[in-house]
Amino acid sequence: MILQEEKSAIAAAILVLPIKHREITLFYYYEELNMREIAAFLDLSENTVKTRMTKARTLLKDNLSADYWEVLSIE
């Protein structure tokens, strides 16, 4: 039950991200693509993908409690 609640909170936080950050986050965490694969798929440079991921993580950290953030910060 708690795990489902965590997943729901994380999913809700991801869904409110701007689309350019949301899509990279979804590809990375849910589709398990690496930065190079995401860059190729979206026709972006790898540095752009990394920059957007960094921004997405910052936005998520601001929107999630510390408990939920720990799940995403582990790589």
C-alpha atoms as a PDB file:
ATOM      1  CA  MET A   1       0.000   0.000   0.000  1.00  0.00           C
ATOM      2  CA  ILE A   2       2.789   2.419   0.913  1.00  0.00           C
ATOM      3  CA  LEU A   3       4.725   1.534  -2.232  1.00  0.00           C
ATOM      4  CA  GLN A   4       1.670   2.300  -4.358  1.00  0.00           C
ATOM      5  CA  GLU A   5       1.285   5.657  -2.613  1.00  0.00           C
ATOM      6  CA  GLU A   6       4.938   6.484  -3.316  1.00  0.00           C
ATOM      7  CA  LYS A   7       4.568   5.563  -6.973  1.00  0.00           C
ATOM      8  CA  SER A   8       1.442   7.704  -7.266  1.00  0.00           C
ATOM      9  CA  ALA A   9       3.125  10.715  -5.679  1.00  0.00           C
ATOM     10  CA  ILE A  10       6.168  10.383  -7.922  1.00  0.00           C
ATOM     11  CA  ALA A  11       4.043   9.908 -11.045  1.00  0.00           C
ATOM     12  CA  ALA A  12       1.934  12.965 -10.178  1.00  0.00           C
ATOM     13  CA  ALA A  13       5.080  15.064  -9.708  1.00  0.00           C
ATOM     14  CA  ILE A  14       6.471  13.895 -13.046  1.00  0.00           C
ATOM     15  CA  LEU A  15       3.226  14.663 -14.860  1.00  0.00           C
ATOM     16  CA  VAL A  16       3.310  18.329 -13.825  1.00  0.00           C
ATOM     17  CA  LEU A  17       6.797  18.838 -15.275  1.00  0.00           C
ATOM     18  CA  PRO A  18       7.070  20.806 -18.518  1.00  0.00           C
ATOM     19  CA  ILE A  19       6.908  18.412 -21.475  1.00  0.00           C
ATOM     20  CA  LYS A  20      10.586  18.744 -22.407  1.00  0.00           C
ATOM     21  CA  HIS A  21      11.572  17.626 -18.915  1.00  0.00           C
ATOM     22  CA  ARG A  22       8.772  15.111 -18.500  1.00  0.00           C
ATOM     23  CA  GLU A  23       9.580  13.116 -21.615  1.00  0.00           C
ATOM     24  CA  ILE A  24      13.247  12.747 -20.698  1.00  0.00           C
ATOM     25  CA  THR A  25      12.345  11.704 -17.152  1.00  0.00           C
ATOM     26  CA  LEU A  26       9.877   9.111 -18.410  1.00  0.00           C
ATOM     27  CA  PHE A  27      12.325   7.691 -20.929  1.00  0.00           C
ATOM     28  CA  TYR A  28      15.087   7.499 -18.335  1.00  0.00           C
ATOM     29  CA  TYR A  29      13.237   6.097 -15.339  1.00  0.00           C
ATOM     30  CA  TYR A  30      10.342   4.170 -16.893  1.00  0.00           C
ATOM     31  CA  GLU A  31      11.712   3.069 -20.256  1.00  0.00           C
ATOM     32  CA  GLU A  32      15.230   2.680 -18.808  1.00  0.00           C
ATOM     33  CA  LEU A  33      16.929   4.365 -21.756  1.00  0.00           C
ATOM     34  CA  ASN A  34      20.345   5.925 -21.241  1.00  0.00           C
ATOM     35  CA  MET A  35      21.161   9.543 -22.116  1.00  0.00           C
ATOM     36  CA  ARG A  36      22.620   8.644 -25.507  1.00  0.00           C
ATOM     37  CA  GLU A  37      19.539   6.620 -26.485  1.00  0.00           C
ATOM     38  CA  ILE A  38      17.207   9.411 -25.387  1.00  0.00           C
ATOM     39  CA  ALA A  39      19.231  11.954 -27.357  1.00  0.00           C
ATOM     40  CA  ALA A  40      19.062   9.826 -30.496  1.00  0.00           C
ATOM     41  CA  PHE A  41      15.347   9.147 -30.072  1.00  0.00           C
ATOM     42  CA  LEU A  42      14.480  12.836 -29.554  1.00  0.00           C
ATOM     43  CA  ASP A  43      17.045  14.089 -32.088  1.00  0.00           C
ATOM     44  CA  LEU A  44      18.782  16.213 -29.452  1.00  0.00           C
ATOM     45  CA  SER A  45      22.384  16.494 -28.381  1.00  0.00           C
ATOM     46  CA  GLU A  46      23.405  14.364 -25.428  1.00  0.00           C
ATOM     47  CA  ASN A  47      24.347  17.521 -23.517  1.00  0.00           C
ATOM     48  CA  THR A  48      20.851  18.925 -24.008  1.00  0.00           C
ATOM     49  CA  VAL A  49      19.356  15.733 -22.605  1.00  0.00           C
ATOM     50  CA  LYS A  50      21.690  15.883 -19.599  1.00  0.00           C
ATOM     51  CA  THR A  51      20.832  19.527 -18.972  1.00  0.00           C
ATOM     52  CA  ARG A  52      17.113  18.834 -19.163  1.00  0.00           C
ATOM     53  CA  MET A  53      17.459  15.855 -16.824  1.00  0.00           C
ATOM     54  CA  THR A  54      19.312  17.995 -14.305  1.00  0.00           C
ATOM     55  CA  LYS A  55      16.552  20.611 -14.466  1.00  0.00           C
ATOM     56  CA  ALA A  56      13.864  17.937 -14.198  1.00  0.00           C
ATOM     57  CA  ARG A  57      15.505  16.487 -11.092  1.00  0.00           C
ATOM     58  CA  THR A  58      15.686  19.959  -9.548  1.00  0.00           C
ATOM     59  CA  LEU A  59      11.995  20.526 -10.234  1.00  0.00           C
ATOM     60  CA  LEU A  60      11.092  17.110  -8.849  1.00  0.00           C
ATOM     61  CA  LYS A  61      13.160  17.663  -5.739  1.00  0.00           C
ATOM     62  CA  ASP A  62      11.260  20.889  -5.105  1.00  0.00           C
ATOM     63  CA  ASN A  63       7.904  19.145  -5.601  1.00  0.00           C
ATOM     64  CA  LEU A  64       8.496  15.890  -3.735  1.00  0.00           C
ATOM     65  CA  SER A  65       9.017  15.216  -0.062  1.00  0.00           C
ATOM     66  CA  ALA A  66      12.455  13.971   0.982  1.00  0.00           C
ATOM     67  CA  ASP A  67      11.209  10.383   1.285  1.00  0.00           C
ATOM     68  CA  TYR A  68       9.979  10.238  -2.283  1.00  0.00           C
ATOM     69  CA  TRP A  69      12.978  12.120  -3.641  1.00  0.00           C
ATOM     70  CA  GLU A  70      15.368   9.472  -2.291  1.00  0.00           C
ATOM     71  CA  VAL A  71      13.809   6.909  -4.640  1.00  0.00           C
ATOM     72  CA  LEU A  72      14.673   8.980  -7.720  1.00  0.00           C
ATOM     73  CA  SER A  73      18.057  10.275  -6.614  1.00  0.00           C
ATOM     74  CA  ILE A  74      19.641   6.804  -6.509  1.00  0.00           C
ATOM     75  CA  GLU A  75      21.326   5.959  -9.807  1.00  0.00           C
END
